[in-house]
C-alpha atoms as a PDB file:
ATOM      1  CA  MET A   1     -25.590  29.296  -0.328  1.00  0.00           C
ATOM      2  CA  THR A   2     -24.348  27.374   2.703  1.00  0.00           C
ATOM      3  CA  THR A   3     -23.625  23.694   3.086  1.00  0.00           C
ATOM      4  CA  SER A   4     -24.344  21.929   6.340  1.00  0.00           C
ATOM      5  CA  THR A   5     -22.302  18.974   7.566  1.00  0.00           C
ATOM      6  CA  SER A   6     -23.689  16.554  10.104  1.00  0.00           C
ATOM      7  CA  LYS A   7     -21.794  15.693  13.293  1.00  0.00           C
ATOM      8  CA  THR A   8     -21.558  12.089  12.088  1.00  0.00           C
ATOM      9  CA  THR A   9     -19.685  13.180   8.941  1.00  0.00           C
ATOM     10  CA  VAL A  10     -17.297  15.313  10.977  1.00  0.00           C
ATOM     11  CA  ARG A  11     -16.600  12.430  13.391  1.00  0.00           C
ATOM     12  CA  ARG A  12     -15.997  10.028  10.485  1.00  0.00           C
ATOM     13  CA  ARG A  13     -13.508  12.442   8.929  1.00  0.00           C
ATOM     14  CA  GLY A  14     -11.667  12.716  12.257  1.00  0.00           C
ATOM     15  CA  VAL A  15     -11.449   8.933  12.543  1.00  0.00           C
ATOM     16  CA  LEU A  16     -10.177   8.574   8.974  1.00  0.00           C
ATOM     17  CA  ARG A  17      -7.618  11.332   9.522  1.00  0.00           C
ATOM     18  CA  GLY A  18      -6.384   9.499  12.653  1.00  0.00           C
ATOM     19  CA  ILE A  19      -5.993   6.159  10.887  1.00  0.00           C
ATOM     20  CA  GLY A  20      -3.342   7.368   8.429  1.00  0.00           C
ATOM     21  CA  ALA A  21      -1.792   5.585   5.453  1.00  0.00           C
ATOM     22  CA  GLY A  22      -0.720   2.512   7.429  1.00  0.00           C
ATOM     23  CA  GLY A  23      -4.270   1.874   8.574  1.00  0.00           C
ATOM     24  CA  LEU A  24      -5.590   2.325   5.053  1.00  0.00           C
ATOM     25  CA  ALA A  25      -3.010  -0.124   3.696  1.00  0.00           C
ATOM     26  CA  ALA A  26      -3.976  -2.683   6.332  1.00  0.00           C
ATOM     27  CA  ALA A  27      -7.669  -2.208   5.542  1.00  0.00           C
ATOM     28  CA  VAL A  28      -6.946  -2.703   1.860  1.00  0.00           C
ATOM     29  CA  ALA A  29      -5.106  -5.934   2.577  1.00  0.00           C
ATOM     30  CA  VAL A  30      -7.947  -7.219   4.739  1.00  0.00           C
ATOM     31  CA  PHE A  31     -10.915  -6.030   2.691  1.00  0.00           C
ATOM     32  CA  ALA A  32      -9.266  -6.071  -0.791  1.00  0.00           C
ATOM     33  CA  LYS A  33     -10.511  -2.621  -1.733  1.00  0.00           C
ATOM     34  CA  GLY A  34      -8.320   0.222  -2.960  1.00  0.00           C
ATOM     35  CA  SER A  35      -8.543   3.888  -2.216  1.00  0.00           C
ATOM     36  CA  PRO A  36      -6.940   7.071  -3.553  1.00  0.00           C
ATOM     37  CA  ALA A  37      -4.935   7.394  -0.312  1.00  0.00           C
ATOM     38  CA  GLN A  38      -3.394   3.997  -1.001  1.00  0.00           C
ATOM     39  CA  ALA A  39      -1.285   5.526  -3.783  1.00  0.00           C
ATOM     40  CA  ALA A  40       0.893   7.235  -1.182  1.00  0.00           C
ATOM     41  CA  ASN A  41       1.742   3.890   0.416  1.00  0.00           C
ATOM     42  CA  TRP A  42       0.929   0.799  -1.680  1.00  0.00           C
ATOM     43  CA  GLU A  43       0.795  -1.956   0.919  1.00  0.00           C
ATOM     44  CA  CYS A  44       3.817  -0.559   2.808  1.00  0.00           C
ATOM     45  CA  CYS A  45       6.157  -0.159  -0.159  1.00  0.00           C
ATOM     46  CA  ASN A  46       5.874   3.477  -1.324  1.00  0.00           C
ATOM     47  CA  LEU A  47       6.222   2.331  -4.941  1.00  0.00           C
ATOM     48  CA  VAL A  48       7.011   4.624  -7.870  1.00  0.00           C
ATOM     49  CA  TYR A  49       4.197   3.156 -10.016  1.00  0.00           C
ATOM     50  CA  VAL A  50       0.900   2.811  -8.204  1.00  0.00           C
ATOM     51  CA  PRO A  51      -0.859   0.562  -8.700  1.00  0.00           C
ATOM     52  CA  PRO A  52       1.984  -1.836  -9.488  1.00  0.00           C
ATOM     53  CA  ASN A  53       2.357  -2.303 -13.237  1.00  0.00           C
ATOM     54  CA  VAL A  54       4.454  -5.515 -13.412  1.00  0.00           C
ATOM     55  CA  SER A  55       4.347  -8.840 -11.595  1.00  0.00           C
ATOM     56  CA  LEU A  56       6.760  -9.437  -8.741  1.00  0.00           C
ATOM     57  CA  SER A  57       8.400 -12.330 -10.617  1.00  0.00           C
ATOM     58  CA  ASN A  58       8.888 -10.115 -13.708  1.00  0.00           C
ATOM     59  CA  CYS A  59      10.444  -7.372 -11.595  1.00  0.00           C
ATOM     60  CA  LEU A  60      12.783  -9.764  -9.783  1.00  0.00           C
ATOM     61  CA  ALA A  61      13.902 -11.342 -13.094  1.00  0.00           C
ATOM     62  CA  SER A  62      15.137  -7.994 -14.447  1.00  0.00           C
ATOM     63  CA  ASN A  63      17.428  -5.184 -13.321  1.00  0.00           C
ATOM     64  CA  HIS A  64      15.782  -4.122 -10.062  1.00  0.00           C
ATOM     65  CA  TYR A  65      15.896  -2.549  -6.622  1.00  0.00           C
ATOM     66  CA  VAL A  66      14.300  -4.690  -3.878  1.00  0.00           C
ATOM     67  CA  TRP A  67      13.425  -4.039  -0.223  1.00  0.00           C
ATOM     68  CA  THR A  68      11.042  -5.374   2.419  1.00  0.00           C
ATOM     69  CA  CYS A  69       8.616  -3.720   4.793  1.00  0.00           C
ATOM     70  CA  THR A  70       6.047  -4.831   7.354  1.00  0.00           C
ATOM     71  CA  PHE A  71       2.648  -3.535   8.390  1.00  0.00           C
ATOM     72  CA  GLY A  72      -0.171  -4.401  10.750  1.00  0.00           C
ATOM     73  CA  THR A  73      -0.357  -4.187  14.521  1.00  0.00           C
ATOM     74  CA  VAL A  74      -3.776  -5.466  15.539  1.00  0.00           C
ATOM     75  CA  GLY A  75      -5.070  -8.410  13.558  1.00  0.00           C
ATOM     76  CA  PRO A  76      -3.048  -9.655  10.591  1.00  0.00           C
ATOM     77  CA  TYR A  77       0.649  -8.784  10.415  1.00  0.00           C
ATOM     78  CA  TYR A  78       2.261  -8.722   6.940  1.00  0.00           C
ATOM     79  CA  ARG A  79       5.783  -8.724   5.479  1.00  0.00           C
ATOM     80  CA  CYS A  80       5.967  -7.366   1.946  1.00  0.00           C
ATOM     81  CA  GLN A  81       8.647  -7.649  -0.703  1.00  0.00           C
ATOM     82  CA  CYS A  82       8.848  -4.477  -2.786  1.00  0.00           C
ATOM     83  CA  CYS A  83      10.505  -4.178  -6.180  1.00  0.00           C
ATOM     84  CA  GLU A  84      11.187  -1.406  -8.671  1.00  0.00           C
ATOM     85  CA  LYS A  85      12.156  -2.525 -12.170  1.00  0.00           C
ATOM     86  CA  LYS A  86      14.901  -0.490 -13.851  1.00  0.00           C
ATOM     87  CA  ASN A  87      15.895  -0.196 -17.516  1.00  0.00           C
ATOM     88  CA  SER A  88      19.524  -0.403 -18.672  1.00  0.00           C
ATOM     89  CA  SER A  89      20.106   3.285 -17.887  1.00  0.00           C
ATOM     90  CA  GLY A  90      18.823   2.864 -14.308  1.00  0.00           C
ATOM     91  CA  THR A  91      15.468   4.601 -14.778  1.00  0.00           C
ATOM     92  CA  THR A  92      12.569   3.023 -12.889  1.00  0.00           C
ATOM     93  CA  ILE A  93      10.056   1.651 -15.402  1.00  0.00           C
ATOM     94  CA  GLY A  94       7.901  -0.576 -13.210  1.00  0.00           C
ATOM     95  CA  SER A  95       6.862  -1.453  -9.673  1.00  0.00           C
ATOM     96  CA  ALA A  96       5.675  -4.624  -7.980  1.00  0.00           C
ATOM     97  CA  SER A  97       5.024  -6.000  -4.518  1.00  0.00           C
ATOM     98  CA  GLY A  98       3.901  -9.130  -2.792  1.00  0.00           C
ATOM     99  CA  CYS A  99       2.902  -9.637   0.833  1.00  0.00           C
ATOM    100  CA  THR A 100       2.789 -12.654   3.124  1.00  0.00           C
ATOM    101  CA  CYS A 101       0.731 -12.784   6.291  1.00  0.00           C
ATOM    102  CA  LEU A 102       2.981 -13.667   9.250  1.00  0.00           C
ATOM    103  CA  SER A 103       0.569 -13.799  12.197  1.00  0.00           C
ATOM    104  CA  ASN A 104      -3.128 -13.517  13.083  1.00  0.00           C
ATOM    105  CA  CYS A 105      -3.953 -14.435   9.498  1.00  0.00           C
ATOM    106  CA  GLY A 106      -7.394 -15.805  10.326  1.00  0.00           C
END
């Protein structure tokens, strides 16, 4: 048995392949929909736990590792604060993030 694929499907796959994780993260921020590819790059944070499993305030109030990242080139531009919550032995037990739109927020 053979399966046929239309040219439209092939073109769509090529476009999605070209967008990459950054484009998917930006689309998620704009359209508020998740995707399996988002797990590789939650917003722009590359978190250990995806989706995040604690609030940003909870993560920041405990033993943590924090960094920032930015994403977006055309349209909205975001700066995100990323946090990984650690237990007393230094093992990561939670992740969180929060983003602020810096320009072209519409």
